Amino acid sequence: MKNLIILALLIFAGYQAWERFAPKDKIAPLESSSYIAVYGRDSCGWTQRTLKELARNGVNYRYFVVDEPRVADLLHSRMNASGISTRRYNLPVVDVNGNLMVRPDVEVAIQQYREKLYQQAGYD
């Protein structure tokens, strides 16, 4: 019985690790041009810092409030398609050209955004 419990715990731990660290698939972008979409709350300090940092760097972005049911439904369907759990997650969730990131380093998001801009402009 003890071995069965240990085996069950190992399987559960392996599954949890796979869910957390497995590579995520990119989803279809919302737009054909380079974009950043920020999903958050007005009352969230992390969301506000992200928006300020994007503005400070001159990045055009779209902001969506997750408390609106249609926004939450869209975000959750995109998170599920990316393999990101919607049970409990931190804000903001940032979508950069179809790559969803939960509370990302803003510099990484800006870099991904600009790389696609440069590709579209023919500077690769």
C-alpha atoms as a PDB file:
ATOM      1  CA  MET A   1       0.000   0.000   0.000  1.00  0.00           C
ATOM      2  CA  LYS A   2       2.845   2.380   0.863  1.00  0.00           C
ATOM      3  CA  ASN A   3       4.434   1.816  -2.567  1.00  0.00           C
ATOM      4  CA  LEU A   4       1.128   2.553  -4.272  1.00  0.00           C
ATOM      5  CA  ILE A   5       0.817   5.875  -2.443  1.00  0.00           C
ATOM      6  CA  ILE A   6       4.399   6.814  -3.340  1.00  0.00           C
ATOM      7  CA  LEU A   7       3.755   5.907  -6.986  1.00  0.00           C
ATOM      8  CA  ALA A   8       0.561   8.000  -7.029  1.00  0.00           C
ATOM      9  CA  LEU A   9       2.417  10.977  -5.536  1.00  0.00           C
ATOM     10  CA  LEU A  10       5.197  10.675  -8.128  1.00  0.00           C
ATOM     11  CA  ILE A  11       2.681  10.555 -10.964  1.00  0.00           C
ATOM     12  CA  PHE A  12       0.840  13.568  -9.567  1.00  0.00           C
ATOM     13  CA  ALA A  13       4.102  15.533  -9.121  1.00  0.00           C
ATOM     14  CA  GLY A  14       5.176  14.669 -12.663  1.00  0.00           C
ATOM     15  CA  TYR A  15       1.857  15.833 -14.055  1.00  0.00           C
ATOM     16  CA  GLN A  16       2.053  19.110 -12.121  1.00  0.00           C
ATOM     17  CA  ALA A  17       5.598  19.704 -13.392  1.00  0.00           C
ATOM     18  CA  TRP A  18       4.508  19.012 -16.966  1.00  0.00           C
ATOM     19  CA  GLU A  19       1.591  21.450 -16.660  1.00  0.00           C
ATOM     20  CA  ARG A  20       3.875  24.151 -15.311  1.00  0.00           C
ATOM     21  CA  PHE A  21       7.018  23.744 -17.409  1.00  0.00           C
ATOM     22  CA  ALA A  22       5.935  22.128 -20.688  1.00  0.00           C
ATOM     23  CA  PRO A  23       6.438  24.327 -23.754  1.00  0.00           C
ATOM     24  CA  LYS A  24       3.314  26.283 -24.602  1.00  0.00           C
ATOM     25  CA  ASP A  25       1.946  26.481 -28.122  1.00  0.00           C
ATOM     26  CA  LYS A  26       1.513  29.868 -29.718  1.00  0.00           C
ATOM     27  CA  ILE A  27      -2.067  30.721 -30.514  1.00  0.00           C
ATOM     28  CA  ALA A  28      -3.422  32.598 -33.491  1.00  0.00           C
ATOM     29  CA  PRO A  29      -2.616  36.305 -33.169  1.00  0.00           C
ATOM     30  CA  LEU A  30      -5.489  38.734 -32.701  1.00  0.00           C
ATOM     31  CA  GLU A  31      -4.090  41.011 -35.422  1.00  0.00           C
ATOM     32  CA  SER A  32      -1.867  40.622 -38.465  1.00  0.00           C
ATOM     33  CA  SER A  33       0.455  43.428 -37.399  1.00  0.00           C
ATOM     34  CA  SER A  34       2.592  43.430 -34.268  1.00  0.00           C
ATOM     35  CA  TYR A  35       0.554  44.116 -31.143  1.00  0.00           C
ATOM     36  CA  ILE A  36       0.490  43.960 -27.372  1.00  0.00           C
ATOM     37  CA  ALA A  37      -2.770  43.299 -25.549  1.00  0.00           C
ATOM     38  CA  VAL A  38      -2.804  43.673 -21.774  1.00  0.00           C
ATOM     39  CA  TYR A  39      -5.515  41.931 -19.741  1.00  0.00           C
ATOM     40  CA  GLY A  40      -5.792  43.212 -16.192  1.00  0.00           C
ATOM     41  CA  ARG A  41      -7.670  45.292 -13.629  1.00  0.00           C
ATOM     42  CA  ASP A  42      -7.581  48.988 -12.924  1.00  0.00           C
ATOM     43  CA  SER A  43      -7.038  48.182  -9.238  1.00  0.00           C
ATOM     44  CA  CYS A  44      -4.055  45.867  -9.904  1.00  0.00           C
ATOM     45  CA  GLY A  45      -0.686  47.457  -9.187  1.00  0.00           C
ATOM     46  CA  TRP A  46       1.141  45.002 -11.486  1.00  0.00           C
ATOM     47  CA  THR A  47      -1.210  45.876 -14.335  1.00  0.00           C
ATOM     48  CA  GLN A  48      -0.734  49.610 -13.797  1.00  0.00           C
ATOM     49  CA  ARG A  49       3.080  49.231 -13.702  1.00  0.00           C
ATOM     50  CA  THR A  50       2.990  47.253 -16.925  1.00  0.00           C
ATOM     51  CA  LEU A  51       0.845  49.879 -18.675  1.00  0.00           C
ATOM     52  CA  LYS A  52       3.106  52.708 -17.475  1.00  0.00           C
ATOM     53  CA  GLU A  53       6.243  50.890 -18.632  1.00  0.00           C
ATOM     54  CA  LEU A  54       4.745  50.235 -22.065  1.00  0.00           C
ATOM     55  CA  ALA A  55       3.717  53.892 -22.383  1.00  0.00           C
ATOM     56  CA  ARG A  56       7.153  55.057 -21.177  1.00  0.00           C
ATOM     57  CA  ASN A  57       8.738  52.996 -23.970  1.00  0.00           C
ATOM     58  CA  GLY A  58       6.385  54.403 -26.600  1.00  0.00           C
ATOM     59  CA  VAL A  59       4.646  51.077 -27.228  1.00  0.00           C
ATOM     60  CA  ASN A  60       1.084  51.148 -28.515  1.00  0.00           C
ATOM     61  CA  TYR A  61      -0.991  48.601 -26.649  1.00  0.00           C
ATOM     62  CA  ARG A  62      -4.604  47.631 -26.112  1.00  0.00           C
ATOM     63  CA  TYR A  63      -5.886  47.288 -22.563  1.00  0.00           C
ATOM     64  CA  PHE A  64      -8.744  44.971 -21.620  1.00  0.00           C
ATOM     65  CA  VAL A  65     -10.422  44.819 -18.201  1.00  0.00           C
ATOM     66  CA  VAL A  66     -10.824  41.159 -17.182  1.00  0.00           C
ATOM     67  CA  ASP A  67     -13.878  41.934 -15.053  1.00  0.00           C
ATOM     68  CA  GLU A  68     -15.939  42.325 -18.226  1.00  0.00           C
ATOM     69  CA  PRO A  69     -17.482  38.914 -19.039  1.00  0.00           C
ATOM     70  CA  ARG A  70     -16.732  39.035 -22.782  1.00  0.00           C
ATOM     71  CA  VAL A  71     -13.108  39.945 -22.113  1.00  0.00           C
ATOM     72  CA  ALA A  72     -12.749  37.204 -19.495  1.00  0.00           C
ATOM     73  CA  ASP A  73     -14.264  34.632 -21.866  1.00  0.00           C
ATOM     74  CA  LEU A  74     -11.868  35.604 -24.682  1.00  0.00           C
ATOM     75  CA  LEU A  75      -8.852  35.612 -22.362  1.00  0.00           C
ATOM     76  CA  HIS A  76      -9.737  32.269 -20.799  1.00  0.00           C
ATOM     77  CA  SER A  77     -10.253  30.589 -24.167  1.00  0.00           C
ATOM     78  CA  ARG A  78      -6.863  31.895 -25.343  1.00  0.00           C
ATOM     79  CA  MET A  79      -5.198  30.830 -22.087  1.00  0.00           C
ATOM     80  CA  ASN A  80      -6.687  27.330 -22.372  1.00  0.00           C
ATOM     81  CA  ALA A  81      -5.508  27.069 -25.986  1.00  0.00           C
ATOM     82  CA  SER A  82      -2.017  28.044 -24.802  1.00  0.00           C
ATOM     83  CA  GLY A  83      -2.038  25.478 -22.027  1.00  0.00           C
ATOM     84  CA  ILE A  84      -2.231  28.073 -19.242  1.00  0.00           C
ATOM     85  CA  SER A  85      -4.527  27.261 -16.331  1.00  0.00           C
ATOM     86  CA  THR A  86      -7.421  29.636 -15.731  1.00  0.00           C
ATOM     87  CA  ARG A  87      -8.192  28.323 -12.243  1.00  0.00           C
ATOM     88  CA  ARG A  88      -5.992  30.899 -10.556  1.00  0.00           C
ATOM     89  CA  TYR A  89      -3.518  33.235 -12.236  1.00  0.00           C
ATOM     90  CA  ASN A  90      -1.715  36.506 -11.655  1.00  0.00           C
ATOM     91  CA  LEU A  91      -2.438  39.699 -13.530  1.00  0.00           C
ATOM     92  CA  PRO A  92      -1.663  41.112 -15.938  1.00  0.00           C
ATOM     93  CA  VAL A  93      -1.769  38.572 -18.717  1.00  0.00           C
ATOM     94  CA  VAL A  94       0.010  40.013 -21.736  1.00  0.00           C
ATOM     95  CA  ASP A  95      -0.539  38.817 -25.308  1.00  0.00           C
ATOM     96  CA  VAL A  96       2.328  39.701 -27.627  1.00  0.00           C
ATOM     97  CA  ASN A  97       1.599  38.614 -31.190  1.00  0.00           C
ATOM     98  CA  GLY A  98      -0.179  35.450 -30.028  1.00  0.00           C
ATOM     99  CA  ASN A  99       2.262  34.601 -27.231  1.00  0.00           C
ATOM    100  CA  LEU A 100       0.512  34.771 -23.851  1.00  0.00           C
ATOM    101  CA  MET A 101       2.576  35.577 -20.772  1.00  0.00           C
ATOM    102  CA  VAL A 102       1.381  35.821 -17.177  1.00  0.00           C
ATOM    103  CA  ARG A 103       2.899  38.797 -15.362  1.00  0.00           C
ATOM    104  CA  PRO A 104       5.867  38.991 -17.751  1.00  0.00           C
ATOM    105  CA  ASP A 105       9.019  41.017 -17.608  1.00  0.00           C
ATOM    106  CA  VAL A 106       7.882  44.070 -19.582  1.00  0.00           C
ATOM    107  CA  GLU A 107      11.227  44.328 -21.380  1.00  0.00           C
ATOM    108  CA  VAL A 108      10.749  40.799 -22.776  1.00  0.00           C
ATOM    109  CA  ALA A 109       7.265  41.711 -24.025  1.00  0.00           C
ATOM    110  CA  ILE A 110       8.571  44.889 -25.662  1.00  0.00           C
ATOM    111  CA  GLN A 111      11.416  42.985 -27.316  1.00  0.00           C
ATOM    112  CA  GLN A 112       9.012  40.423 -28.815  1.00  0.00           C
ATOM    113  CA  TYR A 113       6.736  43.233 -30.007  1.00  0.00           C
ATOM    114  CA  ARG A 114       9.588  45.125 -31.674  1.00  0.00           C
ATOM    115  CA  GLU A 115      11.079  42.007 -33.287  1.00  0.00           C
ATOM    116  CA  LYS A 116       7.847  41.441 -35.193  1.00  0.00           C
ATOM    117  CA  LEU A 117       7.676  45.149 -36.111  1.00  0.00           C
ATOM    118  CA  TYR A 118      11.172  44.930 -37.569  1.00  0.00           C
ATOM    119  CA  GLN A 119      10.292  41.753 -39.479  1.00  0.00           C
ATOM    120  CA  GLN A 120       7.199  43.404 -40.927  1.00  0.00           C
ATOM    121  CA  ALA A 121       9.278  46.381 -41.988  1.00  0.00           C
ATOM    122  CA  GLY A 122      11.738  44.053 -43.749  1.00  0.00           C
ATOM    123  CA  TYR A 123      14.669  44.569 -41.345  1.00  0.00           C
ATOM    124  CA  ASP A 124      15.239  40.909 -40.424  1.00  0.00           C
END
